[in-house]
């Protein structure tokens, strides 16, 4: 799992976002948001303690999920991270 957390962190950092987060926190946030949801594609929003808003575009399947886009709104700035694109 550490490789996955690191990959999440690298993608987000490469967008220019400088707020505090960890890959594990992002992953766990998604898992909490998708709990008890049916298969399908969802936009899920999570407001952080610092006021930043993470909007996840997630497809849910029987045994896993795919985070395709993460949009982070931080003050007047917006960061869009496409997890389906290679760096």
C-alpha atoms as a PDB file:
ATOM      1  CA  UNK A   1       0.000   0.000   0.000  1.00  0.00           C
ATOM      2  CA  UNK A   2       2.917   2.327   0.637  1.00  0.00           C
ATOM      3  CA  UNK A   3       3.643   2.429  -3.133  1.00  0.00           C
ATOM      4  CA  UNK A   4       0.057   3.454  -3.792  1.00  0.00           C
ATOM      5  CA  UNK A   5       0.152   6.171  -1.123  1.00  0.00           C
ATOM      6  CA  UNK A   6       3.436   7.482  -2.542  1.00  0.00           C
ATOM      7  CA  UNK A   7       2.007   7.535  -6.085  1.00  0.00           C
ATOM      8  CA  UNK A   8      -1.004   9.564  -4.873  1.00  0.00           C
ATOM      9  CA  UNK A   9       1.301  12.016  -3.100  1.00  0.00           C
ATOM     10  CA  UNK A  10       3.555  12.451  -6.138  1.00  0.00           C
ATOM     11  CA  UNK A  11       0.625  13.110  -8.490  1.00  0.00           C
ATOM     12  CA  UNK A  12      -0.890  15.711  -6.185  1.00  0.00           C
ATOM     13  CA  UNK A  13       2.425  17.449  -5.483  1.00  0.00           C
ATOM     14  CA  UNK A  14       3.203  17.606  -9.210  1.00  0.00           C
ATOM     15  CA  UNK A  15       0.016  19.658  -9.671  1.00  0.00           C
ATOM     16  CA  UNK A  16       1.541  22.420  -7.539  1.00  0.00           C
ATOM     17  CA  UNK A  17      -0.704  21.899  -4.524  1.00  0.00           C
ATOM     18  CA  UNK A  18       1.248  22.743  -1.354  1.00  0.00           C
ATOM     19  CA  UNK A  19      -1.349  22.042   1.341  1.00  0.00           C
ATOM     20  CA  UNK A  20      -0.721  19.323   3.912  1.00  0.00           C
ATOM     21  CA  UNK A  21      -1.954  15.835   3.034  1.00  0.00           C
ATOM     22  CA  UNK A  22      -0.736  12.259   2.854  1.00  0.00           C
ATOM     23  CA  UNK A  23      -1.518   9.630   0.263  1.00  0.00           C
ATOM     24  CA  UNK A  24      -2.889   7.434   3.007  1.00  0.00           C
ATOM     25  CA  UNK A  25      -5.298  10.171   4.137  1.00  0.00           C
ATOM     26  CA  UNK A  26      -6.544  10.686   0.573  1.00  0.00           C
ATOM     27  CA  UNK A  27      -7.018   6.936   0.071  1.00  0.00           C
ATOM     28  CA  UNK A  28      -8.839   6.524   3.389  1.00  0.00           C
ATOM     29  CA  UNK A  29     -11.004   9.569   2.655  1.00  0.00           C
ATOM     30  CA  UNK A  30     -12.146   7.976  -0.598  1.00  0.00           C
ATOM     31  CA  UNK A  31     -12.792   4.637   1.117  1.00  0.00           C
ATOM     32  CA  UNK A  32     -14.933   6.384   3.746  1.00  0.00           C
ATOM     33  CA  UNK A  33     -16.889   8.277   1.076  1.00  0.00           C
ATOM     34  CA  UNK A  34     -17.622   5.226  -1.084  1.00  0.00           C
ATOM     35  CA  UNK A  35     -18.693   2.953   1.743  1.00  0.00           C
ATOM     36  CA  UNK A  36     -22.168   1.495   1.065  1.00  0.00           C
ATOM     37  CA  UNK A  37     -22.377   3.066  -2.417  1.00  0.00           C
ATOM     38  CA  UNK A  38     -23.574   1.023  -5.381  1.00  0.00           C
ATOM     39  CA  UNK A  39     -21.404   0.442  -8.439  1.00  0.00           C
ATOM     40  CA  UNK A  40     -21.212   3.527 -10.624  1.00  0.00           C
ATOM     41  CA  UNK A  41     -19.398   6.827 -11.080  1.00  0.00           C
ATOM     42  CA  UNK A  42     -19.651   9.494  -8.399  1.00  0.00           C
ATOM     43  CA  UNK A  43     -18.449  12.992  -7.591  1.00  0.00           C
ATOM     44  CA  UNK A  44     -17.587  13.022  -3.904  1.00  0.00           C
ATOM     45  CA  UNK A  45     -16.606  16.137  -1.988  1.00  0.00           C
ATOM     46  CA  UNK A  46     -14.581  16.389   1.186  1.00  0.00           C
ATOM     47  CA  UNK A  47     -13.803  19.630   3.010  1.00  0.00           C
ATOM     48  CA  UNK A  48     -10.538  19.600   4.927  1.00  0.00           C
ATOM     49  CA  UNK A  49      -9.800  21.312   8.251  1.00  0.00           C
ATOM     50  CA  UNK A  50      -7.939  24.118   6.448  1.00  0.00           C
ATOM     51  CA  UNK A  51     -10.988  24.829   4.247  1.00  0.00           C
ATOM     52  CA  UNK A  52      -9.623  23.168   1.095  1.00  0.00           C
ATOM     53  CA  UNK A  53     -12.174  21.112  -0.826  1.00  0.00           C
ATOM     54  CA  UNK A  54     -11.222  17.827  -2.473  1.00  0.00           C
ATOM     55  CA  UNK A  55     -13.636  16.668  -5.186  1.00  0.00           C
ATOM     56  CA  UNK A  56     -13.102  13.072  -6.230  1.00  0.00           C
ATOM     57  CA  UNK A  57     -14.370  11.597  -9.510  1.00  0.00           C
ATOM     58  CA  UNK A  58     -14.530   7.922  -8.569  1.00  0.00           C
ATOM     59  CA  UNK A  59     -15.843   4.852 -10.362  1.00  0.00           C
ATOM     60  CA  UNK A  60     -16.882   2.084  -7.983  1.00  0.00           C
ATOM     61  CA  UNK A  61     -16.789  -1.584  -8.935  1.00  0.00           C
ATOM     62  CA  UNK A  62     -17.580  -4.761  -6.981  1.00  0.00           C
ATOM     63  CA  UNK A  63     -14.069  -5.281  -5.624  1.00  0.00           C
ATOM     64  CA  UNK A  64     -12.285  -1.952  -6.153  1.00  0.00           C
ATOM     65  CA  UNK A  65     -12.550   1.646  -7.274  1.00  0.00           C
ATOM     66  CA  UNK A  66     -10.829   3.965  -9.738  1.00  0.00           C
ATOM     67  CA  UNK A  67     -10.004   7.556  -8.871  1.00  0.00           C
ATOM     68  CA  UNK A  68      -9.818   9.240 -12.255  1.00  0.00           C
ATOM     69  CA  UNK A  69      -9.840  12.954 -11.368  1.00  0.00           C
ATOM     70  CA  UNK A  70      -9.153  14.853  -8.171  1.00  0.00           C
ATOM     71  CA  UNK A  71      -9.942  18.549  -8.091  1.00  0.00           C
ATOM     72  CA  UNK A  72      -8.630  20.556  -5.152  1.00  0.00           C
ATOM     73  CA  UNK A  73      -9.945  24.039  -4.427  1.00  0.00           C
ATOM     74  CA  UNK A  74      -7.653  25.952  -2.090  1.00  0.00           C
ATOM     75  CA  UNK A  75      -8.623  29.583  -1.617  1.00  0.00           C
ATOM     76  CA  UNK A  76      -8.669  31.113  -5.102  1.00  0.00           C
ATOM     77  CA  UNK A  77      -6.552  28.328  -6.575  1.00  0.00           C
ATOM     78  CA  UNK A  78      -7.758  25.165  -8.290  1.00  0.00           C
ATOM     79  CA  UNK A  79      -5.638  22.087  -8.886  1.00  0.00           C
ATOM     80  CA  UNK A  80      -6.794  19.308 -11.205  1.00  0.00           C
ATOM     81  CA  UNK A  81      -5.061  15.960 -10.987  1.00  0.00           C
ATOM     82  CA  UNK A  82      -5.796  13.332 -13.639  1.00  0.00           C
ATOM     83  CA  UNK A  83      -4.865   9.937 -12.232  1.00  0.00           C
ATOM     84  CA  UNK A  84      -5.639   8.225 -15.533  1.00  0.00           C
ATOM     85  CA  UNK A  85      -2.762  10.080 -17.272  1.00  0.00           C
ATOM     86  CA  UNK A  86       0.851   9.011 -17.013  1.00  0.00           C
ATOM     87  CA  UNK A  87       3.265  11.659 -15.705  1.00  0.00           C
END
